[in-house]
């Protein structure tokens, strides 16, 4: 008996964005490696790539996530 069962039917109101097909799906139609979500609404899933770009830009510009440059006073 497998430890985890693959869910083939999604919960009502669970939305995903499929990276493979570039479309919004209700329920986990595609494998987990190819999807983003779950989102609580179709609109949120539609904006998945935009949300990811915004979060990536925030992370790239966040000084807490960058190492000090080589030769800086923070080097030990």
PDB file of N, CA and C in Angstrom:
ATOM      1  N   UNK A   1       0.840  -1.183   0.000  1.00  0.00           N
ATOM      2  CA  UNK A   1       0.000   0.000   0.000  1.00  0.00           C
ATOM      3  C   UNK A   1       0.883   1.243   0.000  1.00  0.00           C
ATOM      4  N   UNK A   2       0.699   2.139  -0.969  1.00  0.00           N
ATOM      5  CA  UNK A   2       1.539   3.331  -1.023  1.00  0.00           C
ATOM      6  C   UNK A   2       1.275   4.259   0.153  1.00  0.00           C
ATOM      7  N   UNK A   3       2.323   4.935   0.549  1.00  0.00           N
ATOM      8  CA  UNK A   3       2.219   5.881   1.646  1.00  0.00           C
ATOM      9  C   UNK A   3       1.353   7.078   1.264  1.00  0.00           C
ATOM     10  N   UNK A   4       1.541   7.558   0.043  1.00  0.00           N
ATOM     11  CA  UNK A   4       0.756   8.688  -0.439  1.00  0.00           C
ATOM     12  C   UNK A   4       0.006   8.263  -1.692  1.00  0.00           C
ATOM     13  N   UNK A   5      -1.259   8.566  -1.730  1.00  0.00           N
ATOM     14  CA  UNK A   5      -2.043   8.273  -2.922  1.00  0.00           C
ATOM     15  C   UNK A   5      -2.045   9.496  -3.822  1.00  0.00           C
ATOM     16  N   UNK A   6      -1.888   9.268  -5.109  1.00  0.00           N
ATOM     17  CA  UNK A   6      -1.943  10.372  -6.066  1.00  0.00           C
ATOM     18  C   UNK A   6      -3.393  10.813  -6.199  1.00  0.00           C
ATOM     19  N   UNK A   7      -3.586  12.074  -5.969  1.00  0.00           N
ATOM     20  CA  UNK A   7      -4.928  12.632  -6.090  1.00  0.00           C
ATOM     21  C   UNK A   7      -5.212  12.920  -7.551  1.00  0.00           C
ATOM     22  N   UNK A   8      -6.245  12.316  -8.082  1.00  0.00           N
ATOM     23  CA  UNK A   8      -6.573  12.543  -9.483  1.00  0.00           C
ATOM     24  C   UNK A   8      -7.708  13.539  -9.652  1.00  0.00           C
ATOM     25  N   UNK A   9      -8.444  13.793  -8.603  1.00  0.00           N
ATOM     26  CA  UNK A   9      -9.555  14.740  -8.661  1.00  0.00           C
ATOM     27  C   UNK A   9      -9.296  15.835  -7.646  1.00  0.00           C
ATOM     28  N   UNK A  10      -9.424  17.065  -8.082  1.00  0.00           N
ATOM     29  CA  UNK A  10      -9.187  18.186  -7.186  1.00  0.00           C
ATOM     30  C   UNK A  10     -10.371  18.484  -6.299  1.00  0.00           C
ATOM     31  N   UNK A  11     -10.105  19.267  -5.310  1.00  0.00           N
ATOM     32  CA  UNK A  11     -11.179  19.742  -4.441  1.00  0.00           C
ATOM     33  C   UNK A  11     -11.906  20.871  -5.154  1.00  0.00           C
ATOM     34  N   UNK A  12     -13.197  20.982  -4.960  1.00  0.00           N
ATOM     35  CA  UNK A  12     -13.924  22.094  -5.579  1.00  0.00           C
ATOM     36  C   UNK A  12     -13.326  23.440  -5.130  1.00  0.00           C
ATOM     37  N   UNK A  13     -13.126  24.322  -6.079  1.00  0.00           N
ATOM     38  CA  UNK A  13     -12.586  25.647  -5.761  1.00  0.00           C
ATOM     39  C   UNK A  13     -11.080  25.692  -5.664  1.00  0.00           C
ATOM     40  N   UNK A  14     -10.399  24.620  -6.035  1.00  0.00           N
ATOM     41  CA  UNK A  14      -8.930  24.576  -6.013  1.00  0.00           C
ATOM     42  C   UNK A  14      -8.438  24.791  -7.442  1.00  0.00           C
ATOM     43  N   UNK A  15      -7.661  25.833  -7.651  1.00  0.00           N
ATOM     44  CA  UNK A  15      -7.220  26.202  -8.993  1.00  0.00           C
ATOM     45  C   UNK A  15      -5.709  26.122  -9.104  1.00  0.00           C
ATOM     46  N   UNK A  16      -5.225  25.731 -10.266  1.00  0.00           N
ATOM     47  CA  UNK A  16      -3.797  25.593 -10.539  1.00  0.00           C
ATOM     48  C   UNK A  16      -3.468  26.251 -11.869  1.00  0.00           C
ATOM     49  N   UNK A  17      -2.187  26.624 -12.025  1.00  0.00           N
ATOM     50  CA  UNK A  17      -1.705  27.104 -13.317  1.00  0.00           C
ATOM     51  C   UNK A  17      -0.731  26.068 -13.830  1.00  0.00           C
ATOM     52  N   UNK A  18      -1.004  25.499 -15.001  1.00  0.00           N
ATOM     53  CA  UNK A  18      -0.146  24.476 -15.597  1.00  0.00           C
ATOM     54  C   UNK A  18       0.957  25.144 -16.410  1.00  0.00           C
ATOM     55  N   UNK A  19       2.198  24.887 -16.034  1.00  0.00           N
ATOM     56  CA  UNK A  19       3.347  25.469 -16.728  1.00  0.00           C
ATOM     57  C   UNK A  19       3.573  24.801 -18.085  1.00  0.00           C
ATOM     58  N   UNK A  20       3.189  23.557 -18.201  1.00  0.00           N
ATOM     59  CA  UNK A  20       3.352  22.803 -19.446  1.00  0.00           C
ATOM     60  C   UNK A  20       2.381  23.297 -20.525  1.00  0.00           C
ATOM     61  N   UNK A  21       1.118  23.419 -20.160  1.00  0.00           N
ATOM     62  CA  UNK A  21       0.081  23.789 -21.116  1.00  0.00           C
ATOM     63  C   UNK A  21      -0.237  25.287 -21.126  1.00  0.00           C
ATOM     64  N   UNK A  22       0.349  26.015 -20.155  1.00  0.00           N
ATOM     65  CA  UNK A  22       0.132  27.472 -20.033  1.00  0.00           C
ATOM     66  C   UNK A  22      -1.359  27.804 -19.922  1.00  0.00           C
ATOM     67  N   UNK A  23      -2.036  27.077 -19.025  1.00  0.00           N
ATOM     68  CA  UNK A  23      -3.463  27.325 -18.836  1.00  0.00           C
ATOM     69  C   UNK A  23      -3.861  27.069 -17.384  1.00  0.00           C
ATOM     70  N   UNK A  24      -5.001  27.613 -17.017  1.00  0.00           N
ATOM     71  CA  UNK A  24      -5.561  27.449 -15.682  1.00  0.00           C
ATOM     72  C   UNK A  24      -6.398  26.181 -15.664  1.00  0.00           C
ATOM     73  N   UNK A  25      -6.272  25.402 -14.573  1.00  0.00           N
ATOM     74  CA  UNK A  25      -7.020  24.159 -14.438  1.00  0.00           C
ATOM     75  C   UNK A  25      -7.673  24.108 -13.072  1.00  0.00           C
ATOM     76  N   UNK A  26      -8.860  23.562 -13.009  1.00  0.00           N
ATOM     77  CA  UNK A  26      -9.499  23.334 -11.714  1.00  0.00           C
ATOM     78  C   UNK A  26      -9.144  21.918 -11.300  1.00  0.00           C
ATOM     79  N   UNK A  27      -8.513  21.799 -10.147  1.00  0.00           N
ATOM     80  CA  UNK A  27      -8.066  20.488  -9.688  1.00  0.00           C
ATOM     81  C   UNK A  27      -6.709  20.149 -10.276  1.00  0.00           C
ATOM     82  N   UNK A  28      -6.010  19.185  -9.690  1.00  0.00           N
ATOM     83  CA  UNK A  28      -4.666  18.834 -10.161  1.00  0.00           C
ATOM     84  C   UNK A  28      -4.711  17.912 -11.382  1.00  0.00           C
ATOM     85  N   UNK A  29      -4.942  18.475 -12.568  1.00  0.00           N
ATOM     86  CA  UNK A  29      -4.977  17.669 -13.785  1.00  0.00           C
ATOM     87  C   UNK A  29      -3.587  17.226 -14.216  1.00  0.00           C
ATOM     88  N   UNK A  30      -2.602  18.089 -14.078  1.00  0.00           N
ATOM     89  CA  UNK A  30      -1.240  17.788 -14.507  1.00  0.00           C
ATOM     90  C   UNK A  30      -0.365  17.442 -13.297  1.00  0.00           C
ATOM     91  N   UNK A  31       0.792  16.798 -13.540  1.00  0.00           N
ATOM     92  CA  UNK A  31       1.693  16.450 -12.435  1.00  0.00           C
ATOM     93  C   UNK A  31       2.157  17.682 -11.661  1.00  0.00           C
ATOM     94  N   UNK A  32       2.467  17.485 -10.394  1.00  0.00           N
ATOM     95  CA  UNK A  32       2.880  18.570  -9.519  1.00  0.00           C
ATOM     96  C   UNK A  32       4.072  19.353 -10.034  1.00  0.00           C
ATOM     97  N   UNK A  33       4.981  18.684 -10.731  1.00  0.00           N
ATOM     98  CA  UNK A  33       6.184  19.368 -11.237  1.00  0.00           C
ATOM     99  C   UNK A  33       5.846  20.384 -12.328  1.00  0.00           C
ATOM    100  N   UNK A  34       4.661  20.269 -12.907  1.00  0.00           N
ATOM    101  CA  UNK A  34       4.266  21.150 -14.002  1.00  0.00           C
ATOM    102  C   UNK A  34       3.227  22.189 -13.617  1.00  0.00           C
ATOM    103  N   UNK A  35       2.939  22.338 -12.333  1.00  0.00           N
ATOM    104  CA  UNK A  35       1.874  23.266 -11.975  1.00  0.00           C
ATOM    105  C   UNK A  35       2.249  24.147 -10.790  1.00  0.00           C
ATOM    106  N   UNK A  36       1.572  25.281 -10.722  1.00  0.00           N
ATOM    107  CA  UNK A  36       1.705  26.199  -9.594  1.00  0.00           C
ATOM    108  C   UNK A  36       0.347  26.253  -8.910  1.00  0.00           C
ATOM    109  N   UNK A  37       0.339  26.302  -7.605  1.00  0.00           N
ATOM    110  CA  UNK A  37      -0.919  26.373  -6.878  1.00  0.00           C
ATOM    111  C   UNK A  37      -0.915  25.422  -5.707  1.00  0.00           C
ATOM    112  N   UNK A  38      -2.001  25.275  -5.054  1.00  0.00           N
ATOM    113  CA  UNK A  38      -3.344  25.690  -5.425  1.00  0.00           C
ATOM    114  C   UNK A  38      -3.612  27.151  -5.086  1.00  0.00           C
ATOM    115  N   UNK A  39      -4.506  27.726  -5.867  1.00  0.00           N
ATOM    116  CA  UNK A  39      -4.993  29.081  -5.658  1.00  0.00           C
ATOM    117  C   UNK A  39      -6.466  29.004  -5.287  1.00  0.00           C
ATOM    118  N   UNK A  40      -6.947  30.003  -4.582  1.00  0.00           N
ATOM    119  CA  UNK A  40      -8.331  29.973  -4.110  1.00  0.00           C
ATOM    120  C   UNK A  40      -9.334  30.442  -5.153  1.00  0.00           C
ATOM    121  N   UNK A  41      -8.840  31.035  -6.247  1.00  0.00           N
ATOM    122  CA  UNK A  41      -9.772  31.482  -7.285  1.00  0.00           C
ATOM    123  C   UNK A  41      -9.126  31.322  -8.659  1.00  0.00           C
ATOM    124  N   UNK A  42      -9.977  31.286  -9.670  1.00  0.00           N
ATOM    125  CA  UNK A  42      -9.496  31.201 -11.045  1.00  0.00           C
ATOM    126  C   UNK A  42      -8.650  32.433 -11.388  1.00  0.00           C
ATOM    127  N   UNK A  43      -9.069  33.597 -10.893  1.00  0.00           N
ATOM    128  CA  UNK A  43      -8.346  34.846 -11.169  1.00  0.00           C
ATOM    129  C   UNK A  43      -6.918  34.782 -10.616  1.00  0.00           C
ATOM    130  N   UNK A  44      -6.770  34.290  -9.388  1.00  0.00           N
ATOM    131  CA  UNK A  44      -5.428  34.162  -8.799  1.00  0.00           C
ATOM    132  C   UNK A  44      -4.564  33.230  -9.622  1.00  0.00           C
ATOM    133  N   UNK A  45      -5.124  32.110 -10.070  1.00  0.00           N
ATOM    134  CA  UNK A  45      -4.365  31.158 -10.878  1.00  0.00           C
ATOM    135  C   UNK A  45      -3.970  31.762 -12.222  1.00  0.00           C
ATOM    136  N   UNK A  46      -4.858  32.578 -12.791  1.00  0.00           N
ATOM    137  CA  UNK A  46      -4.572  33.248 -14.060  1.00  0.00           C
ATOM    138  C   UNK A  46      -3.380  34.191 -13.916  1.00  0.00           C
ATOM    139  N   UNK A  47      -3.220  34.785 -12.750  1.00  0.00           N
ATOM    140  CA  UNK A  47      -2.137  35.746 -12.506  1.00  0.00           C
ATOM    141  C   UNK A  47      -0.896  35.088 -11.899  1.00  0.00           C
ATOM    142  N   UNK A  48      -0.807  33.756 -11.928  1.00  0.00           N
ATOM    143  CA  UNK A  48       0.285  33.036 -11.272  1.00  0.00           C
ATOM    144  C   UNK A  48       1.662  33.477 -11.756  1.00  0.00           C
ATOM    145  N   UNK A  49       1.852  33.598 -13.050  1.00  0.00           N
ATOM    146  CA  UNK A  49       3.169  33.966 -13.575  1.00  0.00           C
ATOM    147  C   UNK A  49       3.528  35.402 -13.209  1.00  0.00           C
ATOM    148  N   UNK A  50       2.564  36.304 -13.250  1.00  0.00           N
ATOM    149  CA  UNK A  50       2.810  37.697 -12.861  1.00  0.00           C
ATOM    150  C   UNK A  50       3.178  37.780 -11.377  1.00  0.00           C
ATOM    151  N   UNK A  51       2.461  37.028 -10.556  1.00  0.00           N
ATOM    152  CA  UNK A  51       2.752  36.994  -9.118  1.00  0.00           C
ATOM    153  C   UNK A  51       4.157  36.468  -8.874  1.00  0.00           C
ATOM    154  N   UNK A  52       4.539  35.413  -9.598  1.00  0.00           N
ATOM    155  CA  UNK A  52       5.880  34.838  -9.449  1.00  0.00           C
ATOM    156  C   UNK A  52       6.953  35.846  -9.864  1.00  0.00           C
ATOM    157  N   UNK A  53       6.725  36.564 -10.963  1.00  0.00           N
ATOM    158  CA  UNK A  53       7.697  37.591 -11.403  1.00  0.00           C
ATOM    159  C   UNK A  53       7.849  38.684 -10.353  1.00  0.00           C
ATOM    160  N   UNK A  54       6.738  39.124  -9.785  1.00  0.00           N
ATOM    161  CA  UNK A  54       6.802  40.171  -8.755  1.00  0.00           C
ATOM    162  C   UNK A  54       7.562  39.683  -7.525  1.00  0.00           C
ATOM    163  N   UNK A  55       7.284  38.479  -7.094  1.00  0.00           N
ATOM    164  CA  UNK A  55       7.972  37.927  -5.918  1.00  0.00           C
ATOM    165  C   UNK A  55       9.450  37.722  -6.189  1.00  0.00           C
ATOM    166  N   UNK A  56       9.794  37.268  -7.395  1.00  0.00           N
ATOM    167  CA  UNK A  56      11.207  37.100  -7.743  1.00  0.00           C
ATOM    168  C   UNK A  56      11.932  38.438  -7.746  1.00  0.00           C
ATOM    169  N   UNK A  57      11.283  39.489  -8.260  1.00  0.00           N
ATOM    170  CA  UNK A  57      11.895  40.823  -8.280  1.00  0.00           C
ATOM    171  C   UNK A  57      12.105  41.335  -6.858  1.00  0.00           C
ATOM    172  N   UNK A  58      11.128  41.107  -5.985  1.00  0.00           N
ATOM    173  CA  UNK A  58      11.274  41.511  -4.584  1.00  0.00           C
ATOM    174  C   UNK A  58      12.454  40.788  -3.944  1.00  0.00           C
ATOM    175  N   UNK A  59      12.567  39.498  -4.215  1.00  0.00           N
ATOM    176  CA  UNK A  59      13.656  38.707  -3.637  1.00  0.00           C
ATOM    177  C   UNK A  59      15.002  39.180  -4.165  1.00  0.00           C
ATOM    178  N   UNK A  60      15.084  39.433  -5.463  1.00  0.00           N
ATOM    179  CA  UNK A  60      16.342  39.881  -6.061  1.00  0.00           C
ATOM    180  C   UNK A  60      16.814  41.210  -5.485  1.00  0.00           C
ATOM    181  N   UNK A  61      15.882  42.060  -5.069  1.00  0.00           N
ATOM    182  CA  UNK A  61      16.234  43.377  -4.553  1.00  0.00           C
ATOM    183  C   UNK A  61      16.250  43.449  -3.031  1.00  0.00           C
ATOM    184  N   UNK A  62      16.084  42.335  -2.369  1.00  0.00           N
ATOM    185  CA  UNK A  62      16.074  42.296  -0.907  1.00  0.00           C
ATOM    186  C   UNK A  62      17.494  42.068  -0.393  1.00  0.00           C
ATOM    187  N   UNK A  63      18.076  43.054   0.282  1.00  0.00           N
ATOM    188  CA  UNK A  63      19.468  42.920   0.740  1.00  0.00           C
ATOM    189  C   UNK A  63      19.656  41.802   1.767  1.00  0.00           C
ATOM    190  N   UNK A  64      18.618  41.384   2.429  1.00  0.00           N
ATOM    191  CA  UNK A  64      18.757  40.302   3.411  1.00  0.00           C
ATOM    192  C   UNK A  64      19.079  38.965   2.762  1.00  0.00           C
ATOM    193  N   UNK A  65      18.848  38.836   1.445  1.00  0.00           N
ATOM    194  CA  UNK A  65      19.039  37.558   0.769  1.00  0.00           C
ATOM    195  C   UNK A  65      20.315  37.508  -0.061  1.00  0.00           C
ATOM    196  N   UNK A  66      21.143  38.522   0.035  1.00  0.00           N
ATOM    197  CA  UNK A  66      22.372  38.541  -0.749  1.00  0.00           C
ATOM    198  C   UNK A  66      23.579  38.450   0.179  1.00  0.00           C
ATOM    199  N   UNK A  67      24.555  37.672  -0.251  1.00  0.00           N
ATOM    200  CA  UNK A  67      25.810  37.566   0.506  1.00  0.00           C
ATOM    201  C   UNK A  67      26.596  38.853   0.305  1.00  0.00           C
ATOM    202  N   UNK A  68      27.447  39.158   1.280  1.00  0.00           N
ATOM    203  CA  UNK A  68      28.312  40.328   1.165  1.00  0.00           C
ATOM    204  C   UNK A  68      29.303  40.088   0.030  1.00  0.00           C
ATOM    205  N   UNK A  69      29.652  41.117  -0.740  1.00  0.00           N
ATOM    206  CA  UNK A  69      30.633  40.970  -1.819  1.00  0.00           C
ATOM    207  C   UNK A  69      31.983  40.546  -1.262  1.00  0.00           C
ATOM    208  N   UNK A  70      32.748  39.832  -2.053  1.00  0.00           N
ATOM    209  CA  UNK A  70      34.076  39.375  -1.635  1.00  0.00           C
ATOM    210  C   UNK A  70      34.954  40.563  -1.261  1.00  0.00           C
ATOM    211  N   UNK A  71      35.698  40.447  -0.164  1.00  0.00           N
ATOM    212  CA  UNK A  71      36.577  41.503   0.294  1.00  0.00           C
ATOM    213  C   UNK A  71      35.887  42.563   1.124  1.00  0.00           C
ATOM    214  N   UNK A  72      34.636  42.387   1.430  1.00  0.00           N
ATOM    215  CA  UNK A  72      33.928  43.379   2.239  1.00  0.00           C
ATOM    216  C   UNK A  72      34.221  43.161   3.719  1.00  0.00           C
ATOM    217  N   UNK A  73      33.937  44.141   4.566  1.00  0.00           N
ATOM    218  CA  UNK A  73      34.212  44.014   6.010  1.00  0.00           C
ATOM    219  C   UNK A  73      33.442  42.862   6.661  1.00  0.00           C
ATOM    220  N   UNK A  74      32.397  42.368   6.007  1.00  0.00           N
ATOM    221  CA  UNK A  74      31.630  41.264   6.602  1.00  0.00           C
ATOM    222  C   UNK A  74      32.336  39.917   6.481  1.00  0.00           C
ATOM    223  N   UNK A  75      33.377  39.826   5.618  1.00  0.00           N
ATOM    224  CA  UNK A  75      34.092  38.559   5.463  1.00  0.00           C
ATOM    225  C   UNK A  75      34.861  38.229   6.726  1.00  0.00           C
ATOM    226  N   UNK A  76      34.841  36.984   7.102  1.00  0.00           N
ATOM    227  CA  UNK A  76      35.605  36.546   8.295  1.00  0.00           C
ATOM    228  C   UNK A  76      36.804  35.734   7.918  1.00  0.00           C
TER     229      UNK A  76
END
